[in-house]
Amino acid sequence: MTEELNLPLSWNWIQQEADSISRFKLSNNRIWITSASLHTEENESFLEILSNFKEENLLIRGLNESQKNLMCRKGFEALYSGLEAEIDLNNYINRKKSLIELIKRGLKKGSVIEYSVNKITEEKINDLLKHSRHSDEPKLKYLFQTEINENIRIFVLEDRTKNLLGGITISRNSKTKYHAELLIKRKGAPVGVMEALIDGVCLKLIDEGVAKFSLGEVPLIVNKPLKLKGKFIHLLGKILSANYNYKGLFNFKNKFNPNWKPLYICAYPKIYYSDLVKISIASNLFRLFLFRFRKLIS
C-alpha cells in the first residue's frame, strides 16, 4: 500500500492544476523553497515533486521524518529544527476535561464561523490584525503562509457585536491533513477564545472526514541528542528569540494532546551556518529580536 503523500508544512495540496512556488534566494547558488501550492497525484512521491525543481542547491524546512529520510538518501543534509503538534482527529473526542472547560468559556463569548475568502471583508481582517496581541511587532515572513488567497480557509470567533476575537487560517497539506498557518488573538480577548476557535476547526474537519490537523511547529524544543549544527541552530534560536516564550507555545498546543513529531531543515549538498543566519534575517526573526530587546531595556 502506497503511503499517502504529505507535503512539508505550509505547502498546499490543491485541486486546481495551477502550481505556485515561492522561492527566496539565500545566495547565488542556494534557493530556499519557502512554500508551494501544488496539484499532485496521491501516488506521486515527494522526491518526484522535488525533481520538478530546476535548481539543485535547494533548502527546505518543515520536513517530517519520512521526507527527511528520502532527501538524505538523495544526498541532502538534514538538521533537526523542532517539533510539530499533529492532532489525530479520529481520537479528538477524548480531549481533556480542562480543555473542554476552556472551550466552553470561549464559546460563551461568541461563535466559531468559517468565512470564504470573498465573504470576509478586508476591513474586518485588518481590524483584527491591528488590535492583535503582537500588532506592534515586526511580522515574521516565509515561515508560514501569511497571504490570504483561494487556497486558504479562514475561521474566526465572532462575538455578538460581530467583532472578531480571534482568527485562524489553515491550508491543506494532503487529502486527509490540514495545517494551521496564522493564529491571531485580539488584545484583551477573554480566556478560552483560541481554544474554542481551534476546537471549532477540528470539529469542522472531522465532519469533512479529515484525519489530521497540524497546529504547526514549536521551534527550539529538543527531545533528542543534537549534533554540532543542531546545537548551533538551537542556540541561534534562543538568542534571536530572547523574549519568545516557546515553552508557553508548546504548553498551549499540548492542551490538544497532539502527537509530537520531529521536523527538519534539509539542504543540498549540505547546510551551511550562513544559511541559518540568512534565514533568521530574511524571516524577520532578527528584527523581532532587536525589537523585543529594545523594548526590554527601555
Protein backbone atom coordinates (compact mmCIF):
# COMPACT_ATOMS: atom_id res chain seq x y z
CA MET A 1 0.00 0.00 0.00
CA THR A 2 1.43 3.39 -1.01
CA GLU A 3 1.88 5.86 1.82
CA GLU A 4 -0.27 8.97 1.44
CA LEU A 5 1.64 11.93 0.11
CA ASN A 6 2.17 14.66 2.70
CA LEU A 7 3.87 17.92 1.83
CA PRO A 8 6.21 19.99 4.03
CA LEU A 9 4.50 22.39 6.44
CA SER A 10 2.99 25.44 4.70
CA TRP A 11 2.99 23.66 1.33
CA ASN A 12 -0.55 23.31 -0.03
CA TRP A 13 -2.14 20.35 -1.76
CA ILE A 14 -4.59 21.94 -4.22
CA GLN A 15 -7.17 20.51 -6.59
CA GLN A 16 -6.87 23.02 -9.42
CA GLU A 17 -3.97 22.49 -11.81
CA ALA A 18 -2.16 25.79 -11.22
CA ASP A 19 1.04 25.25 -9.24
CA SER A 20 2.56 28.19 -7.37
CA ILE A 21 6.05 28.04 -5.84
CA SER A 22 7.60 30.69 -3.57
CA ARG A 23 11.39 30.93 -3.66
CA PHE A 24 13.85 33.05 -1.69
CA LYS A 25 17.42 33.44 -2.94
CA LEU A 26 19.78 32.91 0.00
CA SER A 27 22.85 33.20 -2.23
CA ASN A 28 23.84 32.84 -5.89
CA ASN A 29 23.74 29.06 -5.60
CA ARG A 30 21.23 28.47 -2.81
CA ILE A 31 17.42 28.67 -3.20
CA TRP A 32 15.08 28.39 -0.21
CA ILE A 33 11.66 27.00 -1.22
CA THR A 34 9.56 28.80 1.37
CA SER A 35 6.15 27.45 0.31
CA ALA A 36 4.31 25.91 -2.59
CA SER A 37 0.76 25.24 -3.76
CA LEU A 38 0.86 22.04 -5.80
CA HIS A 39 -1.58 19.89 -7.69
CA THR A 40 -0.20 16.38 -7.16
CA GLU A 41 -1.41 12.83 -7.59
CA GLU A 42 -1.84 10.71 -4.46
CA ASN A 43 0.65 8.12 -5.73
CA GLU A 44 3.30 10.73 -6.53
CA SER A 45 6.30 10.65 -4.18
CA PHE A 46 7.84 13.70 -2.54
CA LEU A 47 11.08 13.02 -4.45
CA GLU A 48 9.17 13.09 -7.75
CA ILE A 49 7.86 16.53 -6.78
CA LEU A 50 11.39 17.70 -5.97
CA SER A 51 12.62 16.55 -9.37
CA ASN A 52 10.41 19.25 -10.94
CA PHE A 53 12.57 21.97 -9.38
CA LYS A 54 15.33 23.09 -11.72
CA GLU A 55 17.66 24.43 -9.02
CA GLU A 56 19.98 21.83 -7.49
CA ASN A 57 21.05 23.67 -4.36
CA LEU A 58 17.72 23.66 -2.53
CA LEU A 59 16.88 24.36 1.10
CA ILE A 60 13.52 23.30 2.52
CA ARG A 61 12.18 23.43 6.08
CA GLY A 62 9.18 21.85 7.80
CA LEU A 63 10.04 18.31 6.71
CA ASN A 64 8.85 15.26 8.61
CA GLU A 65 10.93 12.16 9.38
CA SER A 66 9.88 10.30 6.22
CA GLN A 67 10.62 13.26 3.93
CA LYS A 68 13.96 13.85 5.66
CA ASN A 69 14.99 10.22 5.13
CA LEU A 70 14.06 10.38 1.43
CA MET A 71 16.14 13.52 0.94
CA CYS A 72 19.13 12.19 2.86
CA ARG A 73 19.20 9.19 0.53
CA LYS A 74 19.48 11.66 -2.34
CA GLY A 75 22.49 13.41 -0.82
CA PHE A 76 20.77 16.18 1.19
CA GLU A 77 21.95 17.08 4.69
CA ALA A 78 19.29 17.26 7.43
CA LEU A 79 19.10 19.35 10.58
CA TYR A 80 16.56 18.89 13.38
CA SER A 81 14.63 22.15 13.93
CA GLY A 82 11.72 21.49 16.31
CA LEU A 83 8.50 19.57 16.90
CA GLU A 84 5.19 19.51 15.04
CA ALA A 85 1.92 19.29 17.01
CA GLU A 86 -0.31 16.97 14.97
CA ILE A 87 -3.83 16.27 16.26
CA ASP A 88 -5.29 12.85 15.49
CA LEU A 89 -8.87 13.86 14.66
CA ASN A 90 -10.06 10.25 14.87
CA ASN A 91 -9.25 10.40 18.58
CA TYR A 92 -10.22 14.04 19.20
CA ILE A 93 -13.38 13.13 21.11
CA ASN A 94 -11.16 12.07 24.03
CA ARG A 95 -9.95 15.60 24.78
CA LYS A 96 -9.09 16.57 28.35
CA LYS A 97 -11.73 17.93 30.75
CA SER A 98 -9.57 21.01 31.38
CA LEU A 99 -9.57 21.75 27.63
CA ILE A 100 -13.36 21.26 27.38
CA GLU A 101 -13.84 23.81 30.18
CA LEU A 102 -11.68 26.38 28.34
CA ILE A 103 -13.62 25.75 25.13
CA LYS A 104 -16.92 26.34 26.95
CA ARG A 105 -15.58 29.63 28.37
CA GLY A 106 -14.56 30.78 24.90
CA LEU A 107 -17.90 29.85 23.33
CA LYS A 108 -19.74 31.95 25.92
CA LYS A 109 -18.13 34.98 24.23
CA GLY A 110 -19.01 34.18 20.63
CA SER A 111 -19.36 31.64 17.84
CA VAL A 112 -16.85 29.94 15.55
CA ILE A 113 -17.59 30.79 11.92
CA GLU A 114 -15.84 29.86 8.68
CA TYR A 115 -15.69 32.68 6.15
CA SER A 116 -14.91 32.18 2.48
CA VAL A 117 -12.16 34.47 1.21
CA ASN A 118 -14.63 36.57 -0.79
CA LYS A 119 -17.12 36.89 2.08
CA ILE A 120 -14.93 38.26 4.87
CA THR A 121 -14.12 41.92 4.40
CA GLU A 122 -10.58 43.28 4.31
CA GLU A 123 -11.71 45.82 6.91
CA LYS A 124 -12.55 43.04 9.40
CA ILE A 125 -9.26 41.26 8.89
CA ASN A 126 -7.23 44.47 9.17
CA ASP A 127 -9.11 45.44 12.35
CA LEU A 128 -8.22 42.12 13.96
CA LEU A 129 -4.57 42.39 12.87
CA LYS A 130 -4.38 46.00 14.08
CA HIS A 131 -5.66 45.04 17.53
CA SER A 132 -3.90 41.68 17.88
CA ARG A 133 -1.62 40.89 20.81
CA HIS A 134 1.53 41.34 18.71
CA SER A 135 0.34 44.05 16.32
CA ASP A 136 3.26 46.39 17.08
CA GLU A 137 5.96 43.80 16.37
CA PRO A 138 7.84 43.05 13.11
CA LYS A 139 5.92 40.38 11.23
CA LEU A 140 7.56 37.03 10.53
CA LYS A 141 7.89 36.09 6.86
CA TYR A 142 8.43 32.89 4.87
CA LEU A 143 7.95 30.58 7.88
CA PHE A 144 4.23 30.09 7.20
CA GLN A 145 1.67 31.39 4.74
CA THR A 146 0.61 34.92 5.57
CA GLU A 147 -1.23 35.70 2.34
CA ILE A 148 -4.99 35.11 2.20
CA ASN A 149 -6.00 33.57 -1.11
CA GLU A 150 -8.33 30.97 -2.59
CA ASN A 151 -6.16 28.13 -1.22
CA ILE A 152 -6.55 29.30 2.38
CA ARG A 153 -9.53 28.68 4.67
CA ILE A 154 -10.44 31.27 7.33
CA PHE A 155 -12.09 30.59 10.70
CA VAL A 156 -12.94 33.29 13.25
CA LEU A 157 -14.54 33.55 16.66
CA GLU A 158 -17.06 36.37 16.33
CA ASP A 159 -18.84 37.97 19.27
CA ARG A 160 -22.46 39.12 19.30
CA THR A 161 -21.49 42.58 18.03
CA LYS A 162 -19.71 41.00 15.01
CA ASN A 163 -16.23 41.84 16.33
CA LEU A 164 -13.56 39.22 15.71
CA LEU A 165 -11.97 38.00 18.95
CA GLY A 166 -9.63 35.61 17.18
CA GLY A 167 -8.85 34.09 13.82
CA ILE A 168 -7.03 31.16 12.28
CA THR A 169 -6.12 30.36 8.68
CA ILE A 170 -5.48 26.80 7.53
CA SER A 171 -4.03 25.19 4.43
CA ARG A 172 -4.47 21.68 3.04
CA ASN A 173 -1.32 19.58 3.47
CA SER A 174 -2.75 16.43 1.85
CA LYS A 175 -6.12 14.84 1.11
CA THR A 176 -6.54 13.97 4.79
CA LYS A 177 -4.48 16.61 6.62
CA TYR A 178 -4.73 20.36 7.20
CA HIS A 179 -2.15 22.70 8.72
CA ALA A 180 -2.62 25.88 10.78
CA GLU A 181 -0.94 28.95 9.32
CA LEU A 182 -1.90 32.21 11.09
CA LEU A 183 -3.27 32.21 14.65
CA ILE A 184 -4.40 35.68 15.71
CA LYS A 185 -5.88 36.69 19.06
CA ARG A 186 -7.36 40.12 19.74
CA LYS A 187 -5.62 42.01 22.51
CA GLY A 188 -7.64 41.59 25.71
CA ALA A 189 -9.75 38.73 24.31
CA PRO A 190 -11.20 36.51 27.06
CA VAL A 191 -9.65 33.23 28.20
CA GLY A 192 -10.68 30.28 26.06
CA VAL A 193 -11.13 32.13 22.77
CA MET A 194 -8.27 30.41 20.92
CA GLU A 195 -9.10 27.01 22.41
CA ALA A 196 -12.71 27.37 21.25
CA LEU A 197 -11.55 28.51 17.81
CA ILE A 198 -9.21 25.54 17.31
CA ASP A 199 -11.90 23.20 18.62
CA GLY A 200 -14.35 24.59 16.04
CA VAL A 201 -11.83 23.95 13.26
CA CYS A 202 -11.24 20.38 14.46
CA LEU A 203 -14.97 19.60 14.59
CA LYS A 204 -15.50 21.01 11.08
CA LEU A 205 -12.61 18.95 9.68
CA ILE A 206 -13.92 15.80 11.39
CA ASP A 207 -17.28 16.35 9.67
CA GLU A 208 -15.41 16.50 6.35
CA GLY A 209 -13.60 13.22 7.01
CA VAL A 210 -10.17 14.78 7.58
CA ALA A 211 -7.88 12.60 9.70
CA LYS A 212 -5.19 15.03 10.95
CA PHE A 213 -4.84 18.69 11.86
CA SER A 214 -1.39 20.17 12.48
CA LEU A 215 -1.02 23.11 14.84
CA GLY A 216 2.38 23.72 13.30
CA GLU A 217 5.90 23.80 14.61
CA VAL A 218 7.25 24.68 18.02
CA PRO A 219 10.91 25.52 17.38
CA LEU A 220 13.73 25.08 19.89
CA ILE A 221 12.06 22.23 21.77
CA VAL A 222 14.67 19.48 21.96
CA ASN A 223 13.68 15.85 22.51
CA LYS A 224 16.74 14.16 21.04
CA PRO A 225 20.56 14.48 21.09
CA LEU A 226 21.79 17.21 18.74
CA LYS A 227 24.85 17.31 16.52
CA LEU A 228 27.00 20.42 16.34
CA LYS A 229 24.87 22.27 13.73
CA GLY A 230 21.75 21.30 15.64
CA LYS A 231 23.19 22.86 18.78
CA PHE A 232 24.07 25.95 16.75
CA ILE A 233 20.52 26.43 15.42
CA HIS A 234 19.15 25.79 18.92
CA LEU A 235 21.48 28.46 20.34
CA LEU A 236 20.74 30.84 17.46
CA GLY A 237 17.04 30.43 18.02
CA LYS A 238 17.37 31.16 21.72
CA ILE A 239 19.42 34.29 21.03
CA LEU A 240 17.11 35.58 18.30
CA SER A 241 14.03 34.76 20.34
CA ALA A 242 15.32 36.04 23.66
CA ASN A 243 11.89 37.17 24.75
CA TYR A 244 9.99 34.45 22.86
CA ASN A 245 8.11 32.12 25.16
CA TYR A 246 8.46 28.95 23.09
CA LYS A 247 7.73 26.81 26.16
CA GLY A 248 4.43 28.66 26.53
CA LEU A 249 3.66 27.92 22.88
CA PHE A 250 4.44 24.25 23.50
CA ASN A 251 2.16 24.17 26.56
CA PHE A 252 -0.69 25.86 24.64
CA LYS A 253 -0.55 23.35 21.77
CA ASN A 254 -0.04 20.46 24.17
CA LYS A 255 -3.53 21.08 25.61
CA PHE A 256 -4.90 19.39 22.49
CA ASN A 257 -2.98 16.18 23.23
CA PRO A 258 -1.22 16.16 19.84
CA ASN A 259 1.29 13.66 18.55
CA TRP A 260 4.63 15.47 18.73
CA LYS A 261 6.71 14.73 15.64
CA PRO A 262 10.25 15.90 14.80
CA LEU A 263 10.76 18.41 11.99
CA TYR A 264 13.84 19.10 9.91
CA ILE A 265 15.55 21.54 7.59
CA CYS A 266 17.16 19.84 4.57
CA ALA A 267 19.57 21.28 2.02
CA TYR A 268 21.68 20.05 -0.88
CA PRO A 269 24.54 19.29 -0.73
CA LYS A 270 24.84 20.48 2.89
CA ILE A 271 23.54 23.05 5.35
CA TYR A 272 25.86 25.97 5.95
CA TYR A 273 25.96 28.10 9.07
CA SER A 274 25.48 31.13 6.83
CA ASP A 275 22.15 29.63 5.63
CA LEU A 276 20.81 29.65 9.19
CA VAL A 277 21.87 33.26 9.75
CA LYS A 278 20.37 34.39 6.40
CA ILE A 279 17.08 32.60 7.18
CA SER A 280 16.85 34.39 10.53
CA ILE A 281 17.36 37.75 8.80
CA ALA A 282 15.06 37.06 5.82
CA SER A 283 12.25 35.78 8.04
CA ASN A 284 12.44 38.85 10.33
CA LEU A 285 13.45 36.75 13.35
CA PHE A 286 16.46 39.00 13.80
CA ARG A 287 14.34 42.17 13.57
CA LEU A 288 11.91 40.67 16.09
CA PHE A 289 14.79 40.02 18.48
CA LEU A 290 16.04 43.62 18.16
CA PHE A 291 12.51 44.97 18.69
CA ARG A 292 11.95 42.91 21.83
CA PHE A 293 15.44 43.64 23.15
CA ARG A 294 14.92 47.39 22.80
CA LYS A 295 11.52 47.08 24.47
CA LEU A 296 13.10 45.08 27.30
CA ILE A 297 15.78 47.69 28.08
CA SER A 298 13.64 50.80 27.51
